[in-house]
Amino acid sequence: MNVIKVASRSRTALVAGAIAGVCRENGSAEVQAIGAGAVNQAIKAVIIAKGYLREEGKNIVFVPSFVGIEIEGQERTAVRITVEVQESKIHIEKDSDIQNSAGMAFNQTEKELDIAAPNP
């Protein structure tokens, strides 16, 4: 898998578009940054990508880790962010009726786990 490399001067919206595109295509993406400024831009880009994909009913989760890499013969530590798509099963709008939304969530869980609803 190709790694999306982020620098401190990277434009977050462009990086977010790349993350979203790779996630759409592969279901996951790898983002890498070295240094505080680059890590800051990478995290912001992941958050923006989350918004892009949310509009399509997709949710992303990410797991950061440290990786050792070699640059010009020197060992460096980079932050690697693994981004994975999790399909949303229930989408709740901000101004939704919470009671109705809770009922939808229960019904979805009931179907997935084959739970019988209690008799009134």
N, C-alpha and C. Protein backbone atom coordinates (compact mmCIF):
# COMPACT_ATOMS: atom_id res chain seq x y z
N MET A 1 0.84 -1.18 0.00
CA MET A 1 0.00 0.00 0.00
C MET A 1 0.89 1.24 0.00
N ASN A 2 0.54 2.23 -0.81
CA ASN A 2 1.27 3.48 -0.84
C ASN A 2 1.01 4.28 0.42
N VAL A 3 2.02 4.98 0.88
CA VAL A 3 1.91 5.80 2.07
C VAL A 3 1.75 7.25 1.64
N ILE A 4 0.76 7.92 2.22
CA ILE A 4 0.55 9.35 1.96
C ILE A 4 1.47 10.10 2.92
N LYS A 5 2.45 10.80 2.36
CA LYS A 5 3.43 11.51 3.19
C LYS A 5 2.99 12.96 3.36
N VAL A 6 3.04 13.43 4.61
CA VAL A 6 2.57 14.77 4.95
C VAL A 6 3.72 15.58 5.51
N ALA A 7 3.84 16.81 5.05
CA ALA A 7 4.85 17.75 5.55
C ALA A 7 4.15 18.86 6.33
N SER A 8 4.93 19.65 7.04
CA SER A 8 4.34 20.73 7.83
C SER A 8 3.68 21.78 6.94
N ARG A 9 4.08 21.85 5.69
CA ARG A 9 3.49 22.82 4.75
C ARG A 9 2.40 22.21 3.86
N SER A 10 2.07 20.95 4.08
CA SER A 10 1.03 20.30 3.27
C SER A 10 -0.31 20.99 3.51
N ARG A 11 -1.08 21.10 2.43
CA ARG A 11 -2.42 21.68 2.53
C ARG A 11 -3.38 20.59 2.99
N THR A 12 -3.99 20.82 4.14
CA THR A 12 -4.81 19.77 4.77
C THR A 12 -5.97 19.31 3.90
N ALA A 13 -6.61 20.22 3.19
CA ALA A 13 -7.75 19.82 2.35
C ALA A 13 -7.30 18.89 1.23
N LEU A 14 -6.13 19.14 0.65
CA LEU A 14 -5.62 18.26 -0.41
C LEU A 14 -5.23 16.89 0.14
N VAL A 15 -4.58 16.89 1.30
CA VAL A 15 -4.22 15.61 1.92
C VAL A 15 -5.49 14.85 2.30
N ALA A 16 -6.48 15.56 2.83
CA ALA A 16 -7.76 14.93 3.20
C ALA A 16 -8.42 14.30 1.98
N GLY A 17 -8.38 14.98 0.86
CA GLY A 17 -8.94 14.42 -0.38
C GLY A 17 -8.22 13.15 -0.79
N ALA A 18 -6.90 13.15 -0.64
CA ALA A 18 -6.12 11.95 -0.96
C ALA A 18 -6.47 10.81 -0.02
N ILE A 19 -6.58 11.10 1.27
CA ILE A 19 -6.94 10.07 2.25
C ILE A 19 -8.32 9.50 1.92
N ALA A 20 -9.29 10.38 1.68
CA ALA A 20 -10.65 9.93 1.37
C ALA A 20 -10.67 9.08 0.10
N GLY A 21 -9.93 9.51 -0.92
CA GLY A 21 -9.89 8.77 -2.18
C GLY A 21 -9.30 7.38 -2.01
N VAL A 22 -8.19 7.30 -1.29
CA VAL A 22 -7.56 5.99 -1.06
C VAL A 22 -8.48 5.11 -0.22
N CYS A 23 -9.13 5.70 0.78
CA CYS A 23 -10.06 4.91 1.61
C CYS A 23 -11.25 4.41 0.80
N ARG A 24 -11.76 5.24 -0.12
CA ARG A 24 -12.86 4.79 -0.98
C ARG A 24 -12.43 3.60 -1.83
N GLU A 25 -11.21 3.69 -2.35
CA GLU A 25 -10.71 2.67 -3.26
C GLU A 25 -10.28 1.39 -2.54
N ASN A 26 -9.58 1.54 -1.41
CA ASN A 26 -8.98 0.37 -0.74
C ASN A 26 -9.61 0.01 0.59
N GLY A 27 -10.43 0.90 1.15
CA GLY A 27 -11.00 0.65 2.47
C GLY A 27 -10.08 1.08 3.61
N SER A 28 -8.86 1.50 3.26
CA SER A 28 -7.92 1.98 4.27
C SER A 28 -6.83 2.81 3.60
N ALA A 29 -6.11 3.56 4.43
CA ALA A 29 -5.00 4.38 3.93
C ALA A 29 -3.93 4.46 5.01
N GLU A 30 -2.70 4.71 4.59
CA GLU A 30 -1.58 4.91 5.51
C GLU A 30 -1.07 6.34 5.32
N VAL A 31 -0.95 7.07 6.41
CA VAL A 31 -0.48 8.45 6.39
C VAL A 31 0.77 8.51 7.25
N GLN A 32 1.79 9.23 6.78
CA GLN A 32 3.05 9.30 7.52
C GLN A 32 3.51 10.73 7.64
N ALA A 33 4.04 11.08 8.83
CA ALA A 33 4.53 12.43 9.07
C ALA A 33 5.73 12.38 10.01
N ILE A 34 6.66 13.31 9.80
CA ILE A 34 7.83 13.43 10.67
C ILE A 34 7.87 14.87 11.18
N GLY A 35 7.89 15.02 12.50
CA GLY A 35 7.95 16.35 13.10
C GLY A 35 6.57 16.83 13.53
N ALA A 36 6.58 17.71 14.53
CA ALA A 36 5.33 18.19 15.13
C ALA A 36 4.42 18.88 14.13
N GLY A 37 4.97 19.75 13.29
CA GLY A 37 4.15 20.46 12.31
C GLY A 37 3.50 19.52 11.31
N ALA A 38 4.25 18.54 10.86
CA ALA A 38 3.72 17.57 9.90
C ALA A 38 2.66 16.69 10.54
N VAL A 39 2.89 16.27 11.78
CA VAL A 39 1.90 15.45 12.48
C VAL A 39 0.62 16.25 12.69
N ASN A 40 0.74 17.52 13.03
CA ASN A 40 -0.43 18.39 13.18
C ASN A 40 -1.24 18.43 11.88
N GLN A 41 -0.57 18.64 10.77
CA GLN A 41 -1.26 18.69 9.48
C GLN A 41 -1.91 17.35 9.14
N ALA A 42 -1.22 16.26 9.46
CA ALA A 42 -1.75 14.93 9.17
C ALA A 42 -3.03 14.66 9.96
N ILE A 43 -3.01 15.00 11.25
CA ILE A 43 -4.20 14.78 12.08
C ILE A 43 -5.36 15.62 11.58
N LYS A 44 -5.11 16.88 11.25
CA LYS A 44 -6.19 17.73 10.72
C LYS A 44 -6.73 17.17 9.42
N ALA A 45 -5.85 16.66 8.57
CA ALA A 45 -6.29 16.07 7.29
C ALA A 45 -7.16 14.84 7.52
N VAL A 46 -6.82 14.01 8.49
CA VAL A 46 -7.64 12.84 8.80
C VAL A 46 -9.02 13.27 9.27
N ILE A 47 -9.08 14.30 10.09
CA ILE A 47 -10.37 14.80 10.58
C ILE A 47 -11.21 15.35 9.43
N ILE A 48 -10.59 16.08 8.51
CA ILE A 48 -11.32 16.60 7.34
C ILE A 48 -11.79 15.45 6.46
N ALA A 49 -10.94 14.45 6.25
CA ALA A 49 -11.32 13.27 5.45
C ALA A 49 -12.51 12.56 6.09
N LYS A 50 -12.53 12.52 7.40
CA LYS A 50 -13.66 11.91 8.12
C LYS A 50 -14.96 12.61 7.73
N GLY A 51 -14.91 13.94 7.63
CA GLY A 51 -16.09 14.70 7.21
C GLY A 51 -16.49 14.39 5.78
N TYR A 52 -15.51 14.30 4.88
CA TYR A 52 -15.81 13.97 3.48
C TYR A 52 -16.51 12.62 3.38
N LEU A 53 -15.98 11.63 4.08
CA LEU A 53 -16.52 10.27 3.99
C LEU A 53 -17.83 10.12 4.74
N ARG A 54 -18.01 10.92 5.77
CA ARG A 54 -19.26 10.87 6.54
C ARG A 54 -20.45 11.23 5.66
N GLU A 55 -20.24 12.17 4.73
CA GLU A 55 -21.30 12.57 3.81
C GLU A 55 -21.76 11.40 2.94
N GLU A 56 -20.92 10.38 2.81
CA GLU A 56 -21.24 9.19 2.02
C GLU A 56 -21.70 8.02 2.89
N GLY A 57 -21.93 8.29 4.17
CA GLY A 57 -22.37 7.24 5.08
C GLY A 57 -21.26 6.34 5.57
N LYS A 58 -20.02 6.80 5.45
CA LYS A 58 -18.87 6.01 5.91
C LYS A 58 -18.26 6.68 7.13
N ASN A 59 -17.76 5.87 8.03
CA ASN A 59 -17.06 6.37 9.20
C ASN A 59 -15.63 5.84 9.13
N ILE A 60 -14.68 6.65 9.61
CA ILE A 60 -13.30 6.16 9.65
C ILE A 60 -12.80 6.15 11.09
N VAL A 61 -11.92 5.23 11.33
CA VAL A 61 -11.19 5.18 12.59
C VAL A 61 -9.71 5.21 12.23
N PHE A 62 -8.90 5.69 13.17
CA PHE A 62 -7.47 5.69 12.86
C PHE A 62 -6.66 5.28 14.07
N VAL A 63 -5.52 4.66 13.76
CA VAL A 63 -4.62 4.17 14.79
C VAL A 63 -3.23 4.74 14.50
N PRO A 64 -2.72 5.59 15.40
CA PRO A 64 -1.37 6.12 15.20
C PRO A 64 -0.32 5.19 15.79
N SER A 65 0.86 5.21 15.20
CA SER A 65 1.98 4.41 15.72
C SER A 65 3.29 5.09 15.32
N PHE A 66 4.35 4.72 16.00
CA PHE A 66 5.68 5.18 15.64
C PHE A 66 6.33 4.13 14.75
N VAL A 67 7.02 4.59 13.71
CA VAL A 67 7.77 3.68 12.85
C VAL A 67 9.16 4.25 12.62
N GLY A 68 10.13 3.37 12.56
CA GLY A 68 11.49 3.79 12.23
C GLY A 68 11.68 3.78 10.73
N ILE A 69 12.22 4.86 10.19
CA ILE A 69 12.49 4.93 8.75
C ILE A 69 13.90 5.48 8.55
N GLU A 70 14.43 5.25 7.37
CA GLU A 70 15.76 5.76 7.05
C GLU A 70 15.64 6.85 6.00
N ILE A 71 16.23 8.01 6.29
CA ILE A 71 16.25 9.12 5.34
C ILE A 71 17.70 9.57 5.20
N GLU A 72 18.20 9.50 3.98
CA GLU A 72 19.58 9.90 3.68
C GLU A 72 20.57 9.24 4.64
N GLY A 73 20.38 7.95 4.87
CA GLY A 73 21.31 7.20 5.71
C GLY A 73 21.12 7.37 7.20
N GLN A 74 20.15 8.19 7.62
CA GLN A 74 19.92 8.40 9.05
C GLN A 74 18.59 7.79 9.46
N GLU A 75 18.60 7.17 10.63
CA GLU A 75 17.38 6.58 11.19
C GLU A 75 16.54 7.69 11.81
N ARG A 76 15.27 7.74 11.42
CA ARG A 76 14.33 8.74 11.96
C ARG A 76 13.09 8.03 12.47
N THR A 77 12.36 8.71 13.33
CA THR A 77 11.08 8.18 13.81
C THR A 77 9.96 8.99 13.19
N ALA A 78 9.04 8.28 12.57
CA ALA A 78 7.88 8.93 11.94
C ALA A 78 6.62 8.48 12.67
N VAL A 79 5.58 9.28 12.53
CA VAL A 79 4.26 8.88 13.00
C VAL A 79 3.53 8.31 11.80
N ARG A 80 3.06 7.08 11.94
CA ARG A 80 2.29 6.43 10.88
C ARG A 80 0.86 6.33 11.38
N ILE A 81 -0.08 6.80 10.58
CA ILE A 81 -1.49 6.76 10.95
C ILE A 81 -2.20 5.81 9.98
N THR A 82 -2.74 4.74 10.52
CA THR A 82 -3.53 3.80 9.72
C THR A 82 -4.99 4.23 9.82
N VAL A 83 -5.58 4.52 8.67
CA VAL A 83 -6.97 4.98 8.61
C VAL A 83 -7.79 3.86 7.98
N GLU A 84 -8.88 3.48 8.63
CA GLU A 84 -9.73 2.40 8.11
C GLU A 84 -11.18 2.84 8.06
N VAL A 85 -11.88 2.42 7.00
CA VAL A 85 -13.29 2.73 6.84
C VAL A 85 -14.13 1.70 7.58
N GLN A 86 -15.10 2.19 8.31
CA GLN A 86 -16.12 1.34 8.93
C GLN A 86 -17.45 1.83 8.39
N GLU A 87 -18.16 0.98 7.68
CA GLU A 87 -19.45 1.38 7.12
C GLU A 87 -20.41 1.71 8.26
N SER A 88 -21.06 2.86 8.15
CA SER A 88 -22.06 3.26 9.14
C SER A 88 -23.32 2.46 8.91
N LYS A 89 -23.84 1.90 9.97
CA LYS A 89 -25.07 1.14 9.86
C LYS A 89 -26.27 2.03 10.16
N ILE A 90 -26.06 3.01 10.99
CA ILE A 90 -27.14 3.93 11.36
C ILE A 90 -26.59 5.34 11.24
N HIS A 91 -27.32 6.19 10.55
CA HIS A 91 -26.91 7.58 10.42
C HIS A 91 -27.93 8.44 11.16
N ILE A 92 -27.47 9.22 12.12
CA ILE A 92 -28.36 10.07 12.91
C ILE A 92 -27.97 11.52 12.65
N GLU A 93 -28.92 12.30 12.20
CA GLU A 93 -28.69 13.72 11.97
C GLU A 93 -28.67 14.46 13.30
N LYS A 94 -28.05 15.65 13.30
CA LYS A 94 -27.95 16.45 14.52
C LYS A 94 -29.32 16.74 15.14
N ASP A 95 -30.28 17.15 14.32
CA ASP A 95 -31.57 17.55 14.87
C ASP A 95 -32.60 16.42 14.83
N SER A 96 -32.15 15.18 14.89
CA SER A 96 -33.05 14.03 14.90
C SER A 96 -33.75 13.92 16.25
N ASP A 97 -34.88 13.26 16.22
CA ASP A 97 -35.59 12.93 17.45
C ASP A 97 -34.82 11.80 18.13
N ILE A 98 -34.27 12.06 19.30
CA ILE A 98 -33.39 11.10 19.96
C ILE A 98 -34.11 9.80 20.31
N GLN A 99 -35.38 9.89 20.68
CA GLN A 99 -36.13 8.68 21.03
C GLN A 99 -36.29 7.79 19.79
N ASN A 100 -36.62 8.40 18.67
CA ASN A 100 -36.76 7.67 17.42
C ASN A 100 -35.41 7.05 17.01
N SER A 101 -34.34 7.83 17.18
CA SER A 101 -33.00 7.34 16.83
C SER A 101 -32.61 6.15 17.71
N ALA A 102 -32.94 6.23 18.99
CA ALA A 102 -32.63 5.12 19.90
C ALA A 102 -33.40 3.87 19.48
N GLY A 103 -34.64 4.05 19.07
CA GLY A 103 -35.43 2.91 18.59
C GLY A 103 -34.82 2.29 17.35
N MET A 104 -34.33 3.14 16.43
CA MET A 104 -33.67 2.63 15.23
C MET A 104 -32.43 1.83 15.60
N ALA A 105 -31.65 2.36 16.55
CA ALA A 105 -30.44 1.67 16.98
C ALA A 105 -30.77 0.32 17.60
N PHE A 106 -31.82 0.29 18.43
CA PHE A 106 -32.24 -0.98 19.04
C PHE A 106 -32.66 -1.98 17.97
N ASN A 107 -33.46 -1.51 17.01
CA ASN A 107 -33.93 -2.41 15.95
C ASN A 107 -32.77 -2.98 15.15
N GLN A 108 -31.77 -2.13 14.84
CA GLN A 108 -30.60 -2.60 14.09
C GLN A 108 -29.84 -3.65 14.90
N THR A 109 -29.63 -3.37 16.19
CA THR A 109 -28.93 -4.31 17.06
C THR A 109 -29.70 -5.61 17.18
N GLU A 110 -31.01 -5.49 17.31
CA GLU A 110 -31.87 -6.67 17.42
C GLU A 110 -31.71 -7.57 16.20
N LYS A 111 -31.66 -6.95 15.01
CA LYS A 111 -31.49 -7.73 13.77
C LYS A 111 -30.13 -8.40 13.73
N GLU A 112 -29.09 -7.64 14.09
CA GLU A 112 -27.73 -8.16 14.02
C GLU A 112 -27.48 -9.28 15.02
N LEU A 113 -28.04 -9.16 16.21
CA LEU A 113 -27.78 -10.13 17.26
C LEU A 113 -28.91 -11.13 17.43
N ASP A 114 -29.97 -10.98 16.65
CA ASP A 114 -31.14 -11.86 16.72
C ASP A 114 -31.71 -11.89 18.14
N ILE A 115 -31.93 -10.68 18.68
CA ILE A 115 -32.48 -10.54 20.03
C ILE A 115 -33.99 -10.41 19.92
N ALA A 116 -34.68 -11.10 20.77
CA ALA A 116 -36.14 -10.98 20.81
C ALA A 116 -36.50 -9.81 21.71
N ALA A 117 -37.39 -8.94 21.22
CA ALA A 117 -37.85 -7.80 22.02
C ALA A 117 -38.77 -8.32 23.12
N PRO A 118 -38.71 -7.70 24.31
CA PRO A 118 -39.58 -8.16 25.40
C PRO A 118 -41.04 -7.90 25.06
N ASN A 119 -41.90 -8.80 25.50
CA ASN A 119 -43.34 -8.62 25.29
C ASN A 119 -43.88 -7.66 26.33
N PRO A 120 -44.74 -6.71 25.89
CA PRO A 120 -45.29 -5.74 26.86
C PRO A 120 -46.30 -6.36 27.78
